[in-house]
Amino acid sequence: MKSWPNLTGLDWSPDSKGLYCGSVSSQRRTLLYVDLKGNATVLSQYKAAGIGDDIWGVPSPDGRYLAILGTASDSNVWMLEGF
């Protein structure tokens, strides 16, 4: 399997032939399907917005649907003096 950093949310596929997992790097969040031979397929990917963002997928029992959790956060800080 290609080097995917910081794997998150490992969930078996309903047919037990692979795993759904997330990969979190400083640049992007990637949802992967990884078969039992280690071959990874990118299912979804987005640019990282901040620290603590996560991504993972949970398949339905019949394998027809995939619930995807992807979080992104962004914030700004303003200081007003002499207001």
C-alpha atoms as a PDB file:
ATOM      1  CA  MET A   1       0.000   0.000   0.000  1.00  0.00           C
ATOM      2  CA  LYS A   2       1.203   3.488  -0.818  1.00  0.00           C
ATOM      3  CA  SER A   3       2.343   5.430   2.199  1.00  0.00           C
ATOM      4  CA  TRP A   4      -0.803   7.031   3.596  1.00  0.00           C
ATOM      5  CA  PRO A   5      -0.147   8.915   6.857  1.00  0.00           C
ATOM      6  CA  ASN A   6      -2.240   8.902  10.009  1.00  0.00           C
ATOM      7  CA  LEU A   7      -4.972   6.387   9.218  1.00  0.00           C
ATOM      8  CA  THR A   8      -8.325   6.983  10.928  1.00  0.00           C
ATOM      9  CA  GLY A   9     -11.640   5.175  11.263  1.00  0.00           C
ATOM     10  CA  LEU A  10     -10.926   1.613  10.086  1.00  0.00           C
ATOM     11  CA  ASP A  11     -14.175  -0.137   9.097  1.00  0.00           C
ATOM     12  CA  TRP A  12     -14.542  -3.509   7.356  1.00  0.00           C
ATOM     13  CA  SER A  13     -16.447  -3.692   4.094  1.00  0.00           C
ATOM     14  CA  PRO A  14     -19.613  -5.831   4.378  1.00  0.00           C
ATOM     15  CA  ASP A  15     -18.048  -8.581   2.206  1.00  0.00           C
ATOM     16  CA  SER A  16     -14.884  -8.593   4.411  1.00  0.00           C
ATOM     17  CA  LYS A  17     -12.709  -8.115   1.329  1.00  0.00           C
ATOM     18  CA  GLY A  18     -11.337  -4.729   2.351  1.00  0.00           C
ATOM     19  CA  LEU A  19     -11.356  -1.780   4.716  1.00  0.00           C
ATOM     20  CA  TYR A  20     -12.593   1.777   4.558  1.00  0.00           C
ATOM     21  CA  CYS A  21     -10.273   4.232   6.266  1.00  0.00           C
ATOM     22  CA  GLY A  22      -9.253   7.851   6.289  1.00  0.00           C
ATOM     23  CA  SER A  23      -5.804   9.325   5.826  1.00  0.00           C
ATOM     24  CA  VAL A  24      -5.012  12.670   7.421  1.00  0.00           C
ATOM     25  CA  SER A  25      -2.054  14.800   6.324  1.00  0.00           C
ATOM     26  CA  SER A  26      -1.312  18.487   6.730  1.00  0.00           C
ATOM     27  CA  GLN A  27      -2.387  19.146   3.126  1.00  0.00           C
ATOM     28  CA  ARG A  28      -5.466  16.931   2.610  1.00  0.00           C
ATOM     29  CA  ARG A  29      -7.986  14.461   3.987  1.00  0.00           C
ATOM     30  CA  THR A  30      -8.496  11.286   1.964  1.00  0.00           C
ATOM     31  CA  LEU A  31     -11.084   8.515   2.235  1.00  0.00           C
ATOM     32  CA  LEU A  32      -9.701   5.182   1.030  1.00  0.00           C
ATOM     33  CA  TYR A  33     -10.890   1.681   0.267  1.00  0.00           C
ATOM     34  CA  VAL A  34      -8.032  -0.769   0.857  1.00  0.00           C
ATOM     35  CA  ASP A  35      -8.308  -4.370  -0.330  1.00  0.00           C
ATOM     36  CA  LEU A  36      -6.680  -7.305   1.471  1.00  0.00           C
ATOM     37  CA  LYS A  37      -3.598  -7.075  -0.771  1.00  0.00           C
ATOM     38  CA  GLY A  38      -2.990  -3.486   0.317  1.00  0.00           C
ATOM     39  CA  ASN A  39      -4.188  -1.791  -2.874  1.00  0.00           C
ATOM     40  CA  ALA A  40      -5.758   1.544  -1.991  1.00  0.00           C
ATOM     41  CA  THR A  41      -8.482   3.311  -3.984  1.00  0.00           C
ATOM     42  CA  VAL A  42      -9.195   6.984  -3.282  1.00  0.00           C
ATOM     43  CA  LEU A  43     -12.946   7.479  -2.759  1.00  0.00           C
ATOM     44  CA  SER A  44     -12.987  11.095  -1.628  1.00  0.00           C
ATOM     45  CA  GLN A  45     -10.448  13.814  -0.963  1.00  0.00           C
ATOM     46  CA  TYR A  46     -10.506  17.418   0.159  1.00  0.00           C
ATOM     47  CA  LYS A  47      -8.040  20.104   1.150  1.00  0.00           C
ATOM     48  CA  ALA A  48      -7.299  20.318   4.853  1.00  0.00           C
ATOM     49  CA  ALA A  49      -8.569  23.428   6.565  1.00  0.00           C
ATOM     50  CA  GLY A  50      -7.146  23.067  10.049  1.00  0.00           C
ATOM     51  CA  ILE A  51      -5.818  20.878  12.798  1.00  0.00           C
ATOM     52  CA  GLY A  52      -8.176  18.176  14.051  1.00  0.00           C
ATOM     53  CA  ASP A  53      -9.974  17.580  10.766  1.00  0.00           C
ATOM     54  CA  ASP A  54     -10.891  13.919  10.260  1.00  0.00           C
ATOM     55  CA  ILE A  55     -12.428  11.723   7.589  1.00  0.00           C
ATOM     56  CA  TRP A  56     -13.744   8.168   7.553  1.00  0.00           C
ATOM     57  CA  GLY A  57     -16.428   6.018   5.977  1.00  0.00           C
ATOM     58  CA  VAL A  58     -18.827   3.439   7.410  1.00  0.00           C
ATOM     59  CA  PRO A  59     -20.582   1.107   4.965  1.00  0.00           C
ATOM     60  CA  SER A  60     -24.215   0.041   5.291  1.00  0.00           C
ATOM     61  CA  PRO A  61     -24.716  -3.664   6.132  1.00  0.00           C
ATOM     62  CA  ASP A  62     -25.782  -4.448   2.541  1.00  0.00           C
ATOM     63  CA  GLY A  63     -22.801  -2.547   1.081  1.00  0.00           C
ATOM     64  CA  ARG A  64     -24.940  -0.268  -1.085  1.00  0.00           C
ATOM     65  CA  TYR A  65     -24.239   2.953   0.811  1.00  0.00           C
ATOM     66  CA  LEU A  66     -21.313   4.594   2.533  1.00  0.00           C
ATOM     67  CA  ALA A  67     -21.765   7.114   5.324  1.00  0.00           C
ATOM     68  CA  ILE A  68     -18.881   9.579   5.155  1.00  0.00           C
ATOM     69  CA  LEU A  69     -17.787  11.739   8.044  1.00  0.00           C
ATOM     70  CA  GLY A  70     -15.558  14.595   7.077  1.00  0.00           C
ATOM     71  CA  THR A  71     -14.858  17.475   9.384  1.00  0.00           C
ATOM     72  CA  ALA A  72     -13.256  20.756   8.546  1.00  0.00           C
ATOM     73  CA  SER A  73     -12.655  23.700  10.791  1.00  0.00           C
ATOM     74  CA  ASP A  74     -11.395  27.175  10.240  1.00  0.00           C
ATOM     75  CA  SER A  75     -11.194  30.127  12.567  1.00  0.00           C
ATOM     76  CA  ASN A  76     -10.007  33.704  12.813  1.00  0.00           C
ATOM     77  CA  VAL A  77      -9.012  35.747  15.814  1.00  0.00           C
ATOM     78  CA  TRP A  78      -9.556  39.468  16.055  1.00  0.00           C
ATOM     79  CA  MET A  79      -8.271  41.781  18.759  1.00  0.00           C
ATOM     80  CA  LEU A  80      -9.749  45.224  19.251  1.00  0.00           C
ATOM     81  CA  GLU A  81      -7.974  47.687  21.456  1.00  0.00           C
ATOM     82  CA  GLY A  82      -9.253  51.005  22.727  1.00  0.00           C
ATOM     83  CA  PHE A  83     -12.789  50.239  21.682  1.00  0.00           C
END
